[in-house]
Amino acid sequence: MKHMFDRAKIKKTDIILIILILIIAACSFLWYRYQGTPGAAVEVYLDGALTATYPLEQSAEYELTGAHDGHNHLVIADGKASITDADCPDKLCVKQRAISKNGETICCLPHKLVIKISGGMENELDAVTN
C-alpha cells in the first residue's frame, strides 16, 4: 500500500499560497503591534500595589526601590518610559524597549516592579447607546 505522501509534490501554486499566507500574517502582526493608542501616565506597581503615577508628557528620571531593596532607574522622555539601569541579576527590564501606548508594561520580576502605561484613549468600546 502506497502512502499518500510518497507521491505528494509541492506545486508552484502551493508555494505562492504559502508565501501569501506568510505575508498576510506578517502584515497582521505589524498592524496589531503599531495600532495602540498613546497613553497619558506611567503607573508604578510594587508587588501588585500602585505606588506612584507620573505624567508621560513630562520628561523626568526616577529611582525606584523594589522588593529586596532592589533599584531600577526609570526614565520618561519624548513621551516614552523605559528602565535604563537596574541591579537585578538578569536585567531583563533594561533590555525591554521603551513603552508609550496604553496597556504596555515593563516588568522586573526580581524586584516585583511593574511599569504600566495608562490613561490614554481606550482601544475598545465599553458600550454603545442609541
N, C-alpha and C. Protein backbone atom coordinates (compact mmCIF):
# COMPACT_ATOMS: atom_id res chain seq x y z
N MET A 1 0.84 -1.17 0.00
CA MET A 1 0.00 0.00 0.00
C MET A 1 0.89 1.24 0.00
N LYS A 2 0.65 2.12 -0.93
CA LYS A 2 1.44 3.35 -1.04
C LYS A 2 0.81 4.42 -0.15
N HIS A 3 1.68 5.16 0.43
CA HIS A 3 1.22 6.27 1.26
C HIS A 3 0.93 7.48 0.39
N MET A 4 0.02 8.26 0.85
CA MET A 4 -0.36 9.46 0.13
C MET A 4 0.82 10.42 -0.01
N PHE A 5 1.70 10.46 0.98
CA PHE A 5 2.79 11.42 0.98
C PHE A 5 3.95 11.00 0.07
N ASP A 6 4.00 9.79 -0.35
CA ASP A 6 5.07 9.35 -1.24
C ASP A 6 4.97 10.06 -2.59
N ARG A 7 3.76 10.32 -3.05
CA ARG A 7 3.58 10.92 -4.37
C ARG A 7 3.33 12.42 -4.31
N ALA A 8 3.18 12.97 -3.10
CA ALA A 8 2.87 14.39 -2.97
C ALA A 8 4.08 15.23 -3.35
N LYS A 9 3.85 16.21 -4.19
CA LYS A 9 4.89 17.14 -4.59
C LYS A 9 4.36 18.55 -4.39
N ILE A 10 5.26 19.43 -4.06
CA ILE A 10 4.87 20.82 -3.89
C ILE A 10 4.80 21.46 -5.27
N LYS A 11 3.68 22.04 -5.58
CA LYS A 11 3.47 22.70 -6.86
C LYS A 11 3.74 24.18 -6.72
N LYS A 12 3.86 24.84 -7.84
CA LYS A 12 4.12 26.28 -7.87
C LYS A 12 3.00 27.05 -7.16
N THR A 13 1.77 26.63 -7.37
CA THR A 13 0.65 27.32 -6.71
C THR A 13 0.67 27.12 -5.19
N ASP A 14 1.16 25.99 -4.73
CA ASP A 14 1.29 25.76 -3.28
C ASP A 14 2.30 26.73 -2.67
N ILE A 15 3.40 26.93 -3.35
CA ILE A 15 4.43 27.86 -2.86
C ILE A 15 3.88 29.28 -2.82
N ILE A 16 3.17 29.68 -3.87
CA ILE A 16 2.57 31.02 -3.90
C ILE A 16 1.57 31.18 -2.76
N LEU A 17 0.77 30.17 -2.50
CA LEU A 17 -0.21 30.22 -1.41
C LEU A 17 0.48 30.34 -0.05
N ILE A 18 1.54 29.60 0.16
CA ILE A 18 2.29 29.68 1.43
C ILE A 18 2.89 31.06 1.61
N ILE A 19 3.48 31.62 0.56
CA ILE A 19 4.07 32.96 0.64
C ILE A 19 2.99 34.00 0.92
N LEU A 20 1.86 33.88 0.28
CA LEU A 20 0.75 34.81 0.51
C LEU A 20 0.27 34.75 1.95
N ILE A 21 0.13 33.57 2.51
CA ILE A 21 -0.28 33.42 3.91
C ILE A 21 0.75 34.04 4.85
N LEU A 22 2.03 33.85 4.59
CA LEU A 22 3.08 34.45 5.42
C LEU A 22 3.06 35.97 5.35
N ILE A 23 2.82 36.52 4.17
CA ILE A 23 2.74 37.98 4.02
C ILE A 23 1.56 38.54 4.80
N ILE A 24 0.41 37.87 4.69
CA ILE A 24 -0.77 38.32 5.44
C ILE A 24 -0.52 38.24 6.95
N ALA A 25 0.11 37.18 7.40
CA ALA A 25 0.42 37.05 8.84
C ALA A 25 1.37 38.14 9.29
N ALA A 26 2.39 38.45 8.51
CA ALA A 26 3.35 39.49 8.88
C ALA A 26 2.68 40.86 8.92
N CYS A 27 1.83 41.15 7.94
CA CYS A 27 1.12 42.43 7.93
C CYS A 27 0.17 42.55 9.13
N SER A 28 -0.51 41.47 9.46
CA SER A 28 -1.40 41.48 10.62
C SER A 28 -0.64 41.73 11.91
N PHE A 29 0.51 41.08 12.05
CA PHE A 29 1.34 41.28 13.24
C PHE A 29 1.79 42.73 13.35
N LEU A 30 2.28 43.31 12.26
CA LEU A 30 2.75 44.69 12.28
C LEU A 30 1.62 45.67 12.56
N TRP A 31 0.45 45.43 11.97
CA TRP A 31 -0.68 46.31 12.23
C TRP A 31 -1.08 46.26 13.70
N TYR A 32 -1.16 45.06 14.26
CA TYR A 32 -1.53 44.91 15.67
C TYR A 32 -0.50 45.57 16.58
N ARG A 33 0.76 45.44 16.24
CA ARG A 33 1.85 45.97 17.07
C ARG A 33 1.85 47.49 17.13
N TYR A 34 1.50 48.14 16.03
CA TYR A 34 1.62 49.59 15.97
C TYR A 34 0.30 50.34 16.00
N GLN A 35 -0.80 49.68 16.28
CA GLN A 35 -2.10 50.34 16.26
C GLN A 35 -2.54 50.84 17.63
N GLY A 36 -1.75 50.66 18.66
CA GLY A 36 -2.14 51.08 20.02
C GLY A 36 -2.28 52.58 20.15
N THR A 37 -3.06 53.01 21.14
CA THR A 37 -3.26 54.43 21.38
C THR A 37 -2.26 54.93 22.40
N PRO A 38 -1.80 56.17 22.23
CA PRO A 38 -0.82 56.72 23.18
C PRO A 38 -1.42 56.84 24.59
N GLY A 39 -0.60 56.59 25.58
CA GLY A 39 -1.03 56.71 26.96
C GLY A 39 -0.74 58.10 27.50
N ALA A 40 -1.19 58.36 28.73
CA ALA A 40 -1.02 59.67 29.34
C ALA A 40 -0.20 59.62 30.62
N ALA A 41 -0.10 58.44 31.24
CA ALA A 41 0.57 58.35 32.54
C ALA A 41 1.36 57.05 32.65
N VAL A 42 2.37 57.10 33.51
CA VAL A 42 3.17 55.93 33.84
C VAL A 42 2.81 55.53 35.26
N GLU A 43 2.32 54.31 35.43
CA GLU A 43 1.98 53.81 36.76
C GLU A 43 3.06 52.83 37.21
N VAL A 44 3.46 52.94 38.47
CA VAL A 44 4.47 52.05 39.03
C VAL A 44 3.79 51.18 40.09
N TYR A 45 3.89 49.87 39.92
CA TYR A 45 3.31 48.91 40.86
C TYR A 45 4.43 48.14 41.54
N LEU A 46 4.36 48.03 42.85
CA LEU A 46 5.30 47.22 43.63
C LEU A 46 4.50 46.11 44.30
N ASP A 47 4.82 44.89 43.94
CA ASP A 47 4.15 43.71 44.49
C ASP A 47 2.63 43.81 44.33
N GLY A 48 2.18 44.33 43.16
CA GLY A 48 0.77 44.41 42.84
C GLY A 48 0.05 45.65 43.32
N ALA A 49 0.71 46.49 44.12
CA ALA A 49 0.07 47.70 44.64
C ALA A 49 0.60 48.94 43.92
N LEU A 50 -0.31 49.81 43.50
CA LEU A 50 0.08 51.05 42.84
C LEU A 50 0.81 51.95 43.83
N THR A 51 2.07 52.32 43.50
CA THR A 51 2.86 53.14 44.42
C THR A 51 3.12 54.54 43.90
N ALA A 52 3.06 54.75 42.57
CA ALA A 52 3.32 56.08 42.02
C ALA A 52 2.71 56.19 40.63
N THR A 53 2.37 57.43 40.26
CA THR A 53 1.88 57.74 38.91
C THR A 53 2.60 59.00 38.45
N TYR A 54 3.17 58.93 37.24
CA TYR A 54 3.91 60.06 36.68
C TYR A 54 3.34 60.40 35.31
N PRO A 55 3.30 61.71 34.95
CA PRO A 55 2.80 62.06 33.62
C PRO A 55 3.79 61.63 32.54
N LEU A 56 3.27 61.08 31.47
CA LEU A 56 4.11 60.61 30.37
C LEU A 56 4.63 61.75 29.51
N GLU A 57 3.93 62.88 29.55
CA GLU A 57 4.31 64.02 28.71
C GLU A 57 5.46 64.84 29.30
N GLN A 58 5.80 64.60 30.55
CA GLN A 58 6.82 65.38 31.24
C GLN A 58 8.10 64.56 31.40
N SER A 59 9.20 65.01 30.83
CA SER A 59 10.47 64.29 30.93
C SER A 59 10.99 64.33 32.36
N ALA A 60 11.40 63.17 32.86
CA ALA A 60 11.91 63.08 34.23
C ALA A 60 12.64 61.76 34.41
N GLU A 61 13.38 61.65 35.51
CA GLU A 61 14.06 60.41 35.88
C GLU A 61 13.74 60.11 37.33
N TYR A 62 13.51 58.83 37.62
CA TYR A 62 13.13 58.41 38.97
C TYR A 62 13.94 57.18 39.36
N GLU A 63 14.34 57.12 40.61
CA GLU A 63 14.99 55.93 41.16
C GLU A 63 13.92 55.16 41.94
N LEU A 64 13.60 53.98 41.46
CA LEU A 64 12.55 53.17 42.07
C LEU A 64 13.17 52.11 42.96
N THR A 65 12.60 51.91 44.14
CA THR A 65 13.06 50.86 45.04
C THR A 65 12.04 49.74 45.03
N GLY A 66 12.50 48.56 44.66
CA GLY A 66 11.62 47.41 44.58
C GLY A 66 11.81 46.48 45.76
N ALA A 67 11.33 45.27 45.61
CA ALA A 67 11.47 44.25 46.66
C ALA A 67 12.94 43.95 46.89
N HIS A 68 13.27 43.54 48.09
CA HIS A 68 14.65 43.20 48.49
C HIS A 68 15.60 44.38 48.30
N ASP A 69 15.09 45.61 48.45
CA ASP A 69 15.85 46.85 48.28
C ASP A 69 16.52 46.95 46.91
N GLY A 70 15.88 46.38 45.91
CA GLY A 70 16.39 46.47 44.54
C GLY A 70 16.10 47.84 43.95
N HIS A 71 16.97 48.28 43.07
CA HIS A 71 16.84 49.61 42.47
C HIS A 71 16.70 49.52 40.96
N ASN A 72 15.76 50.31 40.43
CA ASN A 72 15.54 50.45 39.00
C ASN A 72 15.51 51.93 38.67
N HIS A 73 16.13 52.29 37.56
CA HIS A 73 16.17 53.69 37.12
C HIS A 73 15.16 53.88 36.00
N LEU A 74 14.07 54.62 36.27
CA LEU A 74 13.01 54.88 35.31
C LEU A 74 13.26 56.22 34.63
N VAL A 75 13.26 56.22 33.30
CA VAL A 75 13.44 57.46 32.54
C VAL A 75 12.19 57.67 31.68
N ILE A 76 11.62 58.87 31.80
CA ILE A 76 10.49 59.28 30.96
C ILE A 76 11.00 60.41 30.08
N ALA A 77 10.99 60.18 28.76
CA ALA A 77 11.47 61.19 27.82
C ALA A 77 10.80 60.99 26.47
N ASP A 78 10.48 62.08 25.81
CA ASP A 78 9.87 62.04 24.48
C ASP A 78 8.60 61.21 24.45
N GLY A 79 7.83 61.24 25.52
CA GLY A 79 6.57 60.51 25.57
C GLY A 79 6.71 59.01 25.73
N LYS A 80 7.89 58.56 26.14
CA LYS A 80 8.13 57.13 26.33
C LYS A 80 8.77 56.90 27.69
N ALA A 81 8.53 55.71 28.25
CA ALA A 81 9.11 55.34 29.54
C ALA A 81 9.98 54.10 29.35
N SER A 82 11.11 54.08 30.02
CA SER A 82 12.00 52.92 29.94
C SER A 82 12.79 52.78 31.23
N ILE A 83 13.24 51.57 31.49
CA ILE A 83 14.15 51.30 32.60
C ILE A 83 15.55 51.28 31.99
N THR A 84 16.42 52.18 32.44
CA THR A 84 17.75 52.28 31.84
C THR A 84 18.82 51.58 32.66
N ASP A 85 18.54 51.33 33.95
CA ASP A 85 19.51 50.65 34.79
C ASP A 85 18.77 49.93 35.92
N ALA A 86 19.32 48.80 36.32
CA ALA A 86 18.74 48.04 37.43
C ALA A 86 19.82 47.17 38.04
N ASP A 87 19.66 46.85 39.32
CA ASP A 87 20.65 45.99 39.96
C ASP A 87 20.15 44.54 40.12
N CYS A 88 19.15 44.16 39.32
CA CYS A 88 18.69 42.78 39.33
C CYS A 88 19.68 41.92 38.53
N PRO A 89 19.72 40.61 38.79
CA PRO A 89 20.73 39.76 38.15
C PRO A 89 20.58 39.61 36.63
N ASP A 90 19.35 39.51 36.13
CA ASP A 90 19.19 39.25 34.69
C ASP A 90 19.04 40.51 33.84
N LYS A 91 18.64 41.62 34.42
CA LYS A 91 18.47 42.91 33.74
C LYS A 91 17.53 42.82 32.53
N LEU A 92 16.54 41.94 32.59
CA LEU A 92 15.58 41.85 31.50
C LEU A 92 14.75 43.13 31.38
N CYS A 93 14.51 43.80 32.47
CA CYS A 93 13.73 45.05 32.43
C CYS A 93 14.48 46.14 31.66
N VAL A 94 15.79 46.14 31.72
CA VAL A 94 16.60 47.11 30.99
C VAL A 94 16.58 46.79 29.50
N LYS A 95 16.50 45.52 29.15
CA LYS A 95 16.54 45.09 27.75
C LYS A 95 15.21 45.30 27.04
N GLN A 96 14.12 45.52 27.79
CA GLN A 96 12.82 45.75 27.16
C GLN A 96 12.79 47.12 26.51
N ARG A 97 12.06 47.23 25.41
CA ARG A 97 12.01 48.50 24.69
C ARG A 97 11.18 49.53 25.47
N ALA A 98 11.35 50.79 25.11
CA ALA A 98 10.59 51.87 25.74
C ALA A 98 9.11 51.71 25.41
N ILE A 99 8.26 52.07 26.36
CA ILE A 99 6.81 51.91 26.19
C ILE A 99 6.13 53.28 26.16
N SER A 100 5.04 53.38 25.40
CA SER A 100 4.32 54.65 25.31
C SER A 100 2.83 54.47 25.06
N LYS A 101 2.39 53.27 24.73
CA LYS A 101 1.00 53.06 24.37
C LYS A 101 0.21 52.47 25.53
N ASN A 102 -1.05 52.81 25.58
CA ASN A 102 -1.94 52.38 26.66
C ASN A 102 -1.92 50.86 26.82
N GLY A 103 -1.64 50.40 28.03
CA GLY A 103 -1.63 48.97 28.32
C GLY A 103 -0.27 48.31 28.24
N GLU A 104 0.74 48.96 27.68
CA GLU A 104 2.07 48.37 27.60
C GLU A 104 2.71 48.33 28.98
N THR A 105 3.57 47.34 29.22
CA THR A 105 4.21 47.18 30.52
C THR A 105 5.68 46.83 30.39
N ILE A 106 6.42 47.15 31.43
CA ILE A 106 7.79 46.68 31.64
C ILE A 106 7.78 46.02 33.01
N CYS A 107 8.31 44.81 33.11
CA CYS A 107 8.30 44.08 34.38
C CYS A 107 9.71 43.78 34.83
N CYS A 108 9.93 43.90 36.13
CA CYS A 108 11.17 43.46 36.76
C CYS A 108 10.75 42.46 37.84
N LEU A 109 10.81 41.19 37.49
CA LEU A 109 10.33 40.16 38.41
C LEU A 109 11.14 40.04 39.69
N PRO A 110 12.48 40.11 39.65
CA PRO A 110 13.22 40.01 40.91
C PRO A 110 12.86 41.11 41.92
N HIS A 111 12.53 42.32 41.40
CA HIS A 111 12.18 43.43 42.29
C HIS A 111 10.68 43.60 42.47
N LYS A 112 9.89 42.73 41.81
CA LYS A 112 8.43 42.76 41.88
C LYS A 112 7.85 44.11 41.45
N LEU A 113 8.48 44.71 40.43
CA LEU A 113 8.04 46.00 39.89
C LEU A 113 7.38 45.81 38.54
N VAL A 114 6.29 46.55 38.32
CA VAL A 114 5.64 46.60 37.02
C VAL A 114 5.44 48.08 36.68
N ILE A 115 5.91 48.46 35.50
CA ILE A 115 5.72 49.80 34.98
C ILE A 115 4.67 49.69 33.88
N LYS A 116 3.57 50.46 34.00
CA LYS A 116 2.45 50.32 33.07
C LYS A 116 2.02 51.68 32.54
N ILE A 117 1.72 51.72 31.24
CA ILE A 117 1.19 52.94 30.63
C ILE A 117 -0.33 52.90 30.73
N SER A 118 -0.92 54.02 31.14
CA SER A 118 -2.38 54.09 31.27
C SER A 118 -2.86 55.50 30.95
N GLY A 119 -4.17 55.65 30.96
CA GLY A 119 -4.77 56.97 30.87
C GLY A 119 -5.01 57.50 29.48
N GLY A 120 -4.61 56.78 28.46
CA GLY A 120 -4.89 57.23 27.10
C GLY A 120 -6.30 56.86 26.71
N MET A 121 -6.63 57.14 25.47
CA MET A 121 -7.95 56.74 24.97
C MET A 121 -8.00 55.23 24.92
N GLU A 122 -9.12 54.67 25.27
CA GLU A 122 -9.29 53.23 25.29
C GLU A 122 -9.34 52.68 23.87
N ASN A 123 -8.80 51.47 23.68
CA ASN A 123 -8.79 50.81 22.39
C ASN A 123 -10.14 50.20 22.04
N GLU A 124 -10.93 49.85 23.02
CA GLU A 124 -12.18 49.16 22.78
C GLU A 124 -13.34 49.96 23.33
N LEU A 125 -14.51 49.76 22.77
CA LEU A 125 -15.72 50.40 23.26
C LEU A 125 -16.22 49.67 24.49
N ASP A 126 -16.66 50.42 25.48
CA ASP A 126 -17.25 49.81 26.67
C ASP A 126 -18.73 49.54 26.44
N ALA A 127 -19.40 50.45 25.72
CA ALA A 127 -20.83 50.28 25.49
C ALA A 127 -21.24 51.10 24.28
N VAL A 128 -22.34 50.74 23.71
CA VAL A 128 -22.90 51.50 22.59
C VAL A 128 -24.32 51.88 22.97
N THR A 129 -24.65 53.17 22.79
CA THR A 129 -26.00 53.62 23.10
C THR A 129 -26.62 54.25 21.86
N ASN A 130 -27.93 54.24 21.83
CA ASN A 130 -28.66 54.86 20.72
C ASN A 130 -29.30 56.13 21.18
